[in-house]
PDB file of all heavy atoms in Angstrom:
ATOM      1  N   ALA A   1     -13.156  -2.500   9.282  1.00  0.00           N
ATOM      2  CA  ALA A   1     -14.282  -1.571   9.143  1.00  0.00           C
ATOM      3  C   ALA A   1     -13.879  -0.334   8.345  1.00  0.00           C
ATOM      4  O   ALA A   1     -14.727   0.304   7.708  1.00  0.00           O
ATOM      5  CB  ALA A   1     -14.797  -1.157  10.513  1.00  0.00           C
ATOM      6  N   LYS A   2     -12.587  -0.010   8.384  1.00  0.00           N
ATOM      7  CA  LYS A   2     -12.091   1.171   7.669  1.00  0.00           C
ATOM      8  C   LYS A   2     -11.303   0.815   6.420  1.00  0.00           C
ATOM      9  O   LYS A   2     -10.751   1.696   5.759  1.00  0.00           O
ATOM     10  CB  LYS A   2     -11.225   2.010   8.604  1.00  0.00           C
ATOM     11  CG  LYS A   2     -11.977   2.603   9.779  1.00  0.00           C
ATOM     12  CD  LYS A   2     -11.057   3.471  10.643  1.00  0.00           C
ATOM     13  CE  LYS A   2     -11.830   4.097  11.786  1.00  0.00           C
ATOM     14  NZ  LYS A   2     -10.959   4.948  12.645  1.00  0.00           N
ATOM     15  N   ASN A   3     -11.217  -0.481   6.126  1.00  0.00           N
ATOM     16  CA  ASN A   3     -10.411  -0.927   4.975  1.00  0.00           C
ATOM     17  C   ASN A   3      -9.001  -0.333   5.017  1.00  0.00           C
ATOM     18  O   ASN A   3      -8.458   0.110   3.984  1.00  0.00           O
ATOM     19  CB  ASN A   3     -11.092  -0.546   3.647  1.00  0.00           C
ATOM     20  CG  ASN A   3     -12.268  -1.442   3.304  1.00  0.00           C
ATOM     21  OD1 ASN A   3     -12.666  -2.286   4.116  1.00  0.00           O
ATOM     22  ND2 ASN A   3     -12.833  -1.255   2.138  1.00  0.00           N
ATOM     23  N   THR A   4      -8.420  -0.368   6.176  1.00  0.00           N
ATOM     24  CA  THR A   4      -7.127   0.283   6.371  1.00  0.00           C
ATOM     25  C   THR A   4      -6.166  -0.636   7.111  1.00  0.00           C
ATOM     26  O   THR A   4      -6.554  -1.324   8.070  1.00  0.00           O
ATOM     27  CB  THR A   4      -7.295   1.599   7.149  1.00  0.00           C
ATOM     28  OG1 THR A   4      -8.155   2.475   6.410  1.00  0.00           O
ATOM     29  CG2 THR A   4      -5.962   2.297   7.354  1.00  0.00           C
ATOM     30  N   VAL A   5      -4.921  -0.624   6.654  1.00  0.00           N
ATOM     31  CA  VAL A   5      -3.852  -1.338   7.340  1.00  0.00           C
ATOM     32  C   VAL A   5      -2.852  -0.299   7.842  1.00  0.00           C
ATOM     33  O   VAL A   5      -2.627   0.721   7.180  1.00  0.00           O
ATOM     34  CB  VAL A   5      -3.194  -2.385   6.417  1.00  0.00           C
ATOM     35  CG1 VAL A   5      -2.557  -1.743   5.200  1.00  0.00           C
ATOM     36  CG2 VAL A   5      -2.174  -3.226   7.172  1.00  0.00           C
ATOM     37  N   TYR A   6      -2.270  -0.579   9.000  1.00  0.00           N
ATOM     38  CA  TYR A   6      -1.367   0.366   9.651  1.00  0.00           C
ATOM     39  C   TYR A   6       0.001  -0.285   9.856  1.00  0.00           C
ATOM     40  O   TYR A   6       0.122  -1.502   9.955  1.00  0.00           O
ATOM     41  CB  TYR A   6      -1.929   0.790  11.008  1.00  0.00           C
ATOM     42  CG  TYR A   6      -3.298   1.392  10.946  1.00  0.00           C
ATOM     43  CD1 TYR A   6      -4.424   0.618  11.226  1.00  0.00           C
ATOM     44  CD2 TYR A   6      -3.491   2.730  10.614  1.00  0.00           C
ATOM     45  CE1 TYR A   6      -5.697   1.154  11.172  1.00  0.00           C
ATOM     46  CE2 TYR A   6      -4.762   3.283  10.559  1.00  0.00           C
ATOM     47  CZ  TYR A   6      -5.857   2.484  10.835  1.00  0.00           C
ATOM     48  OH  TYR A   6      -7.125   3.024  10.775  1.00  0.00           O
ATOM     49  N   LEU A   7       0.987   0.580   9.956  1.00  0.00           N
ATOM     50  CA  LEU A   7       2.319   0.139  10.368  1.00  0.00           C
ATOM     51  C   LEU A   7       2.830   1.127  11.410  1.00  0.00           C
ATOM     52  O   LEU A   7       3.163   2.262  11.078  1.00  0.00           O
ATOM     53  CB  LEU A   7       3.277   0.065   9.179  1.00  0.00           C
ATOM     54  CG  LEU A   7       4.652  -0.539   9.496  1.00  0.00           C
ATOM     55  CD1 LEU A   7       4.514  -2.033   9.840  1.00  0.00           C
ATOM     56  CD2 LEU A   7       5.620  -0.361   8.330  1.00  0.00           C
ATOM     57  N   GLN A   8       2.834   0.683  12.654  1.00  0.00           N
ATOM     58  CA  GLN A   8       3.382   1.489  13.741  1.00  0.00           C
ATOM     59  C   GLN A   8       4.875   1.223  13.813  1.00  0.00           C
ATOM     60  O   GLN A   8       5.290   0.067  13.999  1.00  0.00           O
ATOM     61  CB  GLN A   8       2.707   1.128  15.063  1.00  0.00           C
ATOM     62  CG  GLN A   8       3.260   1.889  16.257  1.00  0.00           C
ATOM     63  CD  GLN A   8       2.954   3.362  16.208  1.00  0.00           C
ATOM     64  OE1 GLN A   8       1.830   3.759  15.909  1.00  0.00           O
ATOM     65  NE2 GLN A   8       3.937   4.196  16.526  1.00  0.00           N
ATOM     66  N   MET A   9       5.648   2.274  13.678  1.00  0.00           N
ATOM     67  CA  MET A   9       7.109   2.139  13.653  1.00  0.00           C
ATOM     68  C   MET A   9       7.698   2.893  14.843  1.00  0.00           C
ATOM     69  O   MET A   9       7.564   4.122  14.915  1.00  0.00           O
ATOM     70  CB  MET A   9       7.665   2.680  12.335  1.00  0.00           C
ATOM     71  CG  MET A   9       7.019   2.054  11.108  1.00  0.00           C
ATOM     72  SD  MET A   9       7.796   2.568   9.563  1.00  0.00           S
ATOM     73  CE  MET A   9       7.403   4.316   9.572  1.00  0.00           C
ATOM     74  N   ASN A  10       8.317   2.155  15.728  1.00  0.00           N
ATOM     75  CA  ASN A  10       8.942   2.738  16.916  1.00  0.00           C
ATOM     76  C   ASN A  10      10.446   2.522  16.860  1.00  0.00           C
ATOM     77  O   ASN A  10      10.945   1.693  16.101  1.00  0.00           O
ATOM     78  CB  ASN A  10       8.373   2.102  18.179  1.00  0.00           C
ATOM     79  CG  ASN A  10       6.883   2.324  18.341  1.00  0.00           C
ATOM     80  OD1 ASN A  10       6.349   3.361  17.934  1.00  0.00           O
ATOM     81  ND2 ASN A  10       6.203   1.367  18.943  1.00  0.00           N
ATOM     82  N   SER A  11      11.151   3.269  17.693  1.00  0.00           N
ATOM     83  CA  SER A  11      12.617   3.149  17.784  1.00  0.00           C
ATOM     84  C   SER A  11      13.251   3.182  16.391  1.00  0.00           C
ATOM     85  O   SER A  11      14.097   2.353  16.051  1.00  0.00           O
ATOM     86  CB  SER A  11      12.992   1.846  18.495  1.00  0.00           C
ATOM     87  OG  SER A  11      12.432   1.800  19.791  1.00  0.00           O
ATOM     88  N   LEU A  12      12.846   4.148  15.625  1.00  0.00           N
ATOM     89  CA  LEU A  12      13.314   4.220  14.237  1.00  0.00           C
ATOM     90  C   LEU A  12      14.808   4.473  14.168  1.00  0.00           C
ATOM     91  O   LEU A  12      15.385   5.178  15.010  1.00  0.00           O
ATOM     92  CB  LEU A  12      12.549   5.302  13.479  1.00  0.00           C
ATOM     93  CG  LEU A  12      11.126   4.878  13.056  1.00  0.00           C
ATOM     94  CD1 LEU A  12      10.274   6.098  12.748  1.00  0.00           C
ATOM     95  CD2 LEU A  12      11.201   3.957  11.865  1.00  0.00           C
ATOM     96  N   LYS A  13      15.419   3.888  13.145  1.00  0.00           N
ATOM     97  CA  LYS A  13      16.850   3.994  12.908  1.00  0.00           C
ATOM     98  C   LYS A  13      17.094   4.616  11.534  1.00  0.00           C
ATOM     99  O   LYS A  13      16.240   4.511  10.653  1.00  0.00           O
ATOM    100  CB  LYS A  13      17.483   2.602  12.938  1.00  0.00           C
ATOM    101  CG  LYS A  13      17.234   1.810  14.206  1.00  0.00           C
ATOM    102  CD  LYS A  13      17.805   0.412  14.085  1.00  0.00           C
ATOM    103  CE  LYS A  13      17.553  -0.399  15.339  1.00  0.00           C
ATOM    104  NZ  LYS A  13      18.118  -1.778  15.246  1.00  0.00           N
ATOM    105  N   PRO A  14      18.234   5.225  11.341  1.00  0.00           N
ATOM    106  CA  PRO A  14      18.536   5.792  10.007  1.00  0.00           C
ATOM    107  C   PRO A  14      18.400   4.758   8.886  1.00  0.00           C
ATOM    108  O   PRO A  14      17.983   5.110   7.778  1.00  0.00           O
ATOM    109  CB  PRO A  14      19.972   6.284  10.161  1.00  0.00           C
ATOM    110  CG  PRO A  14      20.091   6.632  11.609  1.00  0.00           C
ATOM    111  CD  PRO A  14      19.271   5.596  12.321  1.00  0.00           C
ATOM    112  N   GLU A  15      18.706   3.508   9.180  1.00  0.00           N
ATOM    113  CA  GLU A  15      18.602   2.470   8.152  1.00  0.00           C
ATOM    114  C   GLU A  15      17.154   2.111   7.808  1.00  0.00           C
ATOM    115  O   GLU A  15      16.926   1.331   6.880  1.00  0.00           O
ATOM    116  CB  GLU A  15      19.370   1.211   8.558  1.00  0.00           C
ATOM    117  CG  GLU A  15      19.059   0.689   9.935  1.00  0.00           C
ATOM    118  CD  GLU A  15      20.070   1.161  10.985  1.00  0.00           C
ATOM    119  OE1 GLU A  15      20.429   2.355  10.967  1.00  0.00           O
ATOM    120  OE2 GLU A  15      20.466   0.318  11.812  1.00  0.00           O
ATOM    121  N   ASP A  16      16.193   2.675   8.527  1.00  0.00           N
ATOM    122  CA  ASP A  16      14.783   2.489   8.165  1.00  0.00           C
ATOM    123  C   ASP A  16      14.350   3.483   7.095  1.00  0.00           C
ATOM    124  O   ASP A  16      13.225   3.394   6.590  1.00  0.00           O
ATOM    125  CB  ASP A  16      13.895   2.666   9.398  1.00  0.00           C
ATOM    126  CG  ASP A  16      14.106   1.593  10.446  1.00  0.00           C
ATOM    127  OD1 ASP A  16      14.235   0.412  10.068  1.00  0.00           O
ATOM    128  OD2 ASP A  16      14.148   1.937  11.651  1.00  0.00           O
ATOM    129  N   THR A  17      15.219   4.413   6.750  1.00  0.00           N
ATOM    130  CA  THR A  17      14.900   5.397   5.717  1.00  0.00           C
ATOM    131  C   THR A  17      14.626   4.705   4.392  1.00  0.00           C
ATOM    132  O   THR A  17      15.438   3.925   3.895  1.00  0.00           O
ATOM    133  CB  THR A  17      16.054   6.394   5.552  1.00  0.00           C
ATOM    134  OG1 THR A  17      16.193   7.150   6.758  1.00  0.00           O
ATOM    135  CG2 THR A  17      15.810   7.335   4.381  1.00  0.00           C
ATOM    136  N   ALA A  18      13.450   4.962   3.828  1.00  0.00           N
ATOM    137  CA  ALA A  18      13.029   4.313   2.591  1.00  0.00           C
ATOM    138  C   ALA A  18      11.668   4.866   2.173  1.00  0.00           C
ATOM    139  O   ALA A  18      11.023   5.581   2.937  1.00  0.00           O
ATOM    140  CB  ALA A  18      12.912   2.795   2.786  1.00  0.00           C
ATOM    141  N   VAL A  19      11.258   4.498   0.980  1.00  0.00           N
ATOM    142  CA  VAL A  19       9.863   4.696   0.586  1.00  0.00           C
ATOM    143  C   VAL A  19       9.122   3.430   0.988  1.00  0.00           C
ATOM    144  O   VAL A  19       9.547   2.314   0.656  1.00  0.00           O
ATOM    145  CB  VAL A  19       9.731   4.948  -0.925  1.00  0.00           C
ATOM    146  CG1 VAL A  19       8.252   5.101  -1.300  1.00  0.00           C
ATOM    147  CG2 VAL A  19      10.514   6.189  -1.340  1.00  0.00           C
ATOM    148  N   TYR A  20       8.026   3.610   1.701  1.00  0.00           N
ATOM    149  CA  TYR A  20       7.237   2.485   2.195  1.00  0.00           C
ATOM    150  C   TYR A  20       5.985   2.336   1.329  1.00  0.00           C
ATOM    151  O   TYR A  20       5.267   3.313   1.078  1.00  0.00           O
ATOM    152  CB  TYR A  20       6.861   2.714   3.651  1.00  0.00           C
ATOM    153  CG  TYR A  20       8.018   2.463   4.595  1.00  0.00           C
ATOM    154  CD1 TYR A  20       9.106   3.336   4.643  1.00  0.00           C
ATOM    155  CD2 TYR A  20       8.048   1.336   5.419  1.00  0.00           C
ATOM    156  CE1 TYR A  20      10.178   3.090   5.480  1.00  0.00           C
ATOM    157  CE2 TYR A  20       9.107   1.097   6.270  1.00  0.00           C
ATOM    158  CZ  TYR A  20      10.173   1.977   6.290  1.00  0.00           C
ATOM    159  OH  TYR A  20      11.238   1.728   7.132  1.00  0.00           O
ATOM    160  N   TYR A  21       5.754   1.096   0.923  1.00  0.00           N
ATOM    161  CA  TYR A  21       4.636   0.778   0.036  1.00  0.00           C
ATOM    162  C   TYR A  21       3.695  -0.230   0.679  1.00  0.00           C
ATOM    163  O   TYR A  21       4.134  -1.196   1.290  1.00  0.00           O
ATOM    164  CB  TYR A  21       5.147   0.168  -1.267  1.00  0.00           C
ATOM    165  CG  TYR A  21       6.038   1.052  -2.092  1.00  0.00           C
ATOM    166  CD1 TYR A  21       7.422   1.024  -1.922  1.00  0.00           C
ATOM    167  CD2 TYR A  21       5.509   1.911  -3.053  1.00  0.00           C
ATOM    168  CE1 TYR A  21       8.248   1.822  -2.684  1.00  0.00           C
ATOM    169  CE2 TYR A  21       6.331   2.714  -3.825  1.00  0.00           C
ATOM    170  CZ  TYR A  21       7.701   2.673  -3.635  1.00  0.00           C
ATOM    171  OH  TYR A  21       8.515   3.466  -4.398  1.00  0.00           O
ATOM    172  N   CYS A  22       2.437  -0.018   0.443  1.00  0.00           N
ATOM    173  CA  CYS A  22       1.406  -0.975   0.811  1.00  0.00           C
ATOM    174  C   CYS A  22       1.137  -1.854  -0.406  1.00  0.00           C
ATOM    175  O   CYS A  22       1.194  -1.379  -1.546  1.00  0.00           O
ATOM    176  CB  CYS A  22       0.156  -0.181   1.210  1.00  0.00           C
ATOM    177  SG  CYS A  22      -1.316  -1.119   1.518  1.00  0.00           S
ATOM    178  N   SER A  23       0.810  -3.121  -0.158  1.00  0.00           N
ATOM    179  CA  SER A  23       0.601  -4.040  -1.274  1.00  0.00           C
ATOM    180  C   SER A  23      -0.482  -5.055  -0.956  1.00  0.00           C
ATOM    181  O   SER A  23      -0.618  -5.499   0.194  1.00  0.00           O
ATOM    182  CB  SER A  23       1.913  -4.777  -1.588  1.00  0.00           C
ATOM    183  OG  SER A  23       1.728  -5.725  -2.610  1.00  0.00           O
ATOM    184  N   SER A  24      -1.229  -5.414  -1.989  1.00  0.00           N
ATOM    185  CA  SER A  24      -2.188  -6.500  -1.878  1.00  0.00           C
ATOM    186  C   SER A  24      -2.352  -7.121  -3.254  1.00  0.00           C
ATOM    187  O   SER A  24      -1.663  -6.739  -4.201  1.00  0.00           O
ATOM    188  CB  SER A  24      -3.523  -5.988  -1.336  1.00  0.00           C
ATOM    189  OG  SER A  24      -4.384  -7.072  -1.065  1.00  0.00           O
ATOM    190  N   SER A  25      -3.266  -8.056  -3.348  1.00  0.00           N
ATOM    191  CA  SER A  25      -3.452  -8.731  -4.626  1.00  0.00           C
ATOM    192  C   SER A  25      -4.924  -8.958  -4.898  1.00  0.00           C
ATOM    193  O   SER A  25      -5.751  -8.986  -3.976  1.00  0.00           O
ATOM    194  CB  SER A  25      -2.711 -10.072  -4.637  1.00  0.00           C
ATOM    195  OG  SER A  25      -3.262 -10.942  -3.676  1.00  0.00           O
ATOM    196  N   LYS A  26      -5.226  -9.119  -6.177  1.00  0.00           N
ATOM    197  CA  LYS A  26      -6.589  -9.424  -6.605  1.00  0.00           C
ATOM    198  C   LYS A  26      -6.515 -10.115  -7.954  1.00  0.00           C
ATOM    199  O   LYS A  26      -5.807  -9.648  -8.850  1.00  0.00           O
ATOM    200  CB  LYS A  26      -7.418  -8.143  -6.707  1.00  0.00           C
ATOM    201  CG  LYS A  26      -8.867  -8.375  -7.133  1.00  0.00           C
ATOM    202  CD  LYS A  26      -9.630  -7.061  -7.211  1.00  0.00           C
ATOM    203  CE  LYS A  26     -11.069  -7.267  -7.624  1.00  0.00           C
ATOM    204  NZ  LYS A  26     -11.815  -5.986  -7.717  1.00  0.00           N
TER     205      LYS A  26
END
């Protein structure tokens, strides 16, 4: 309904450090 995707990230670790990208195709 909101055209939105989420990523809930818990128990984060230093190795999760990054730029996070959303992706789709058309």
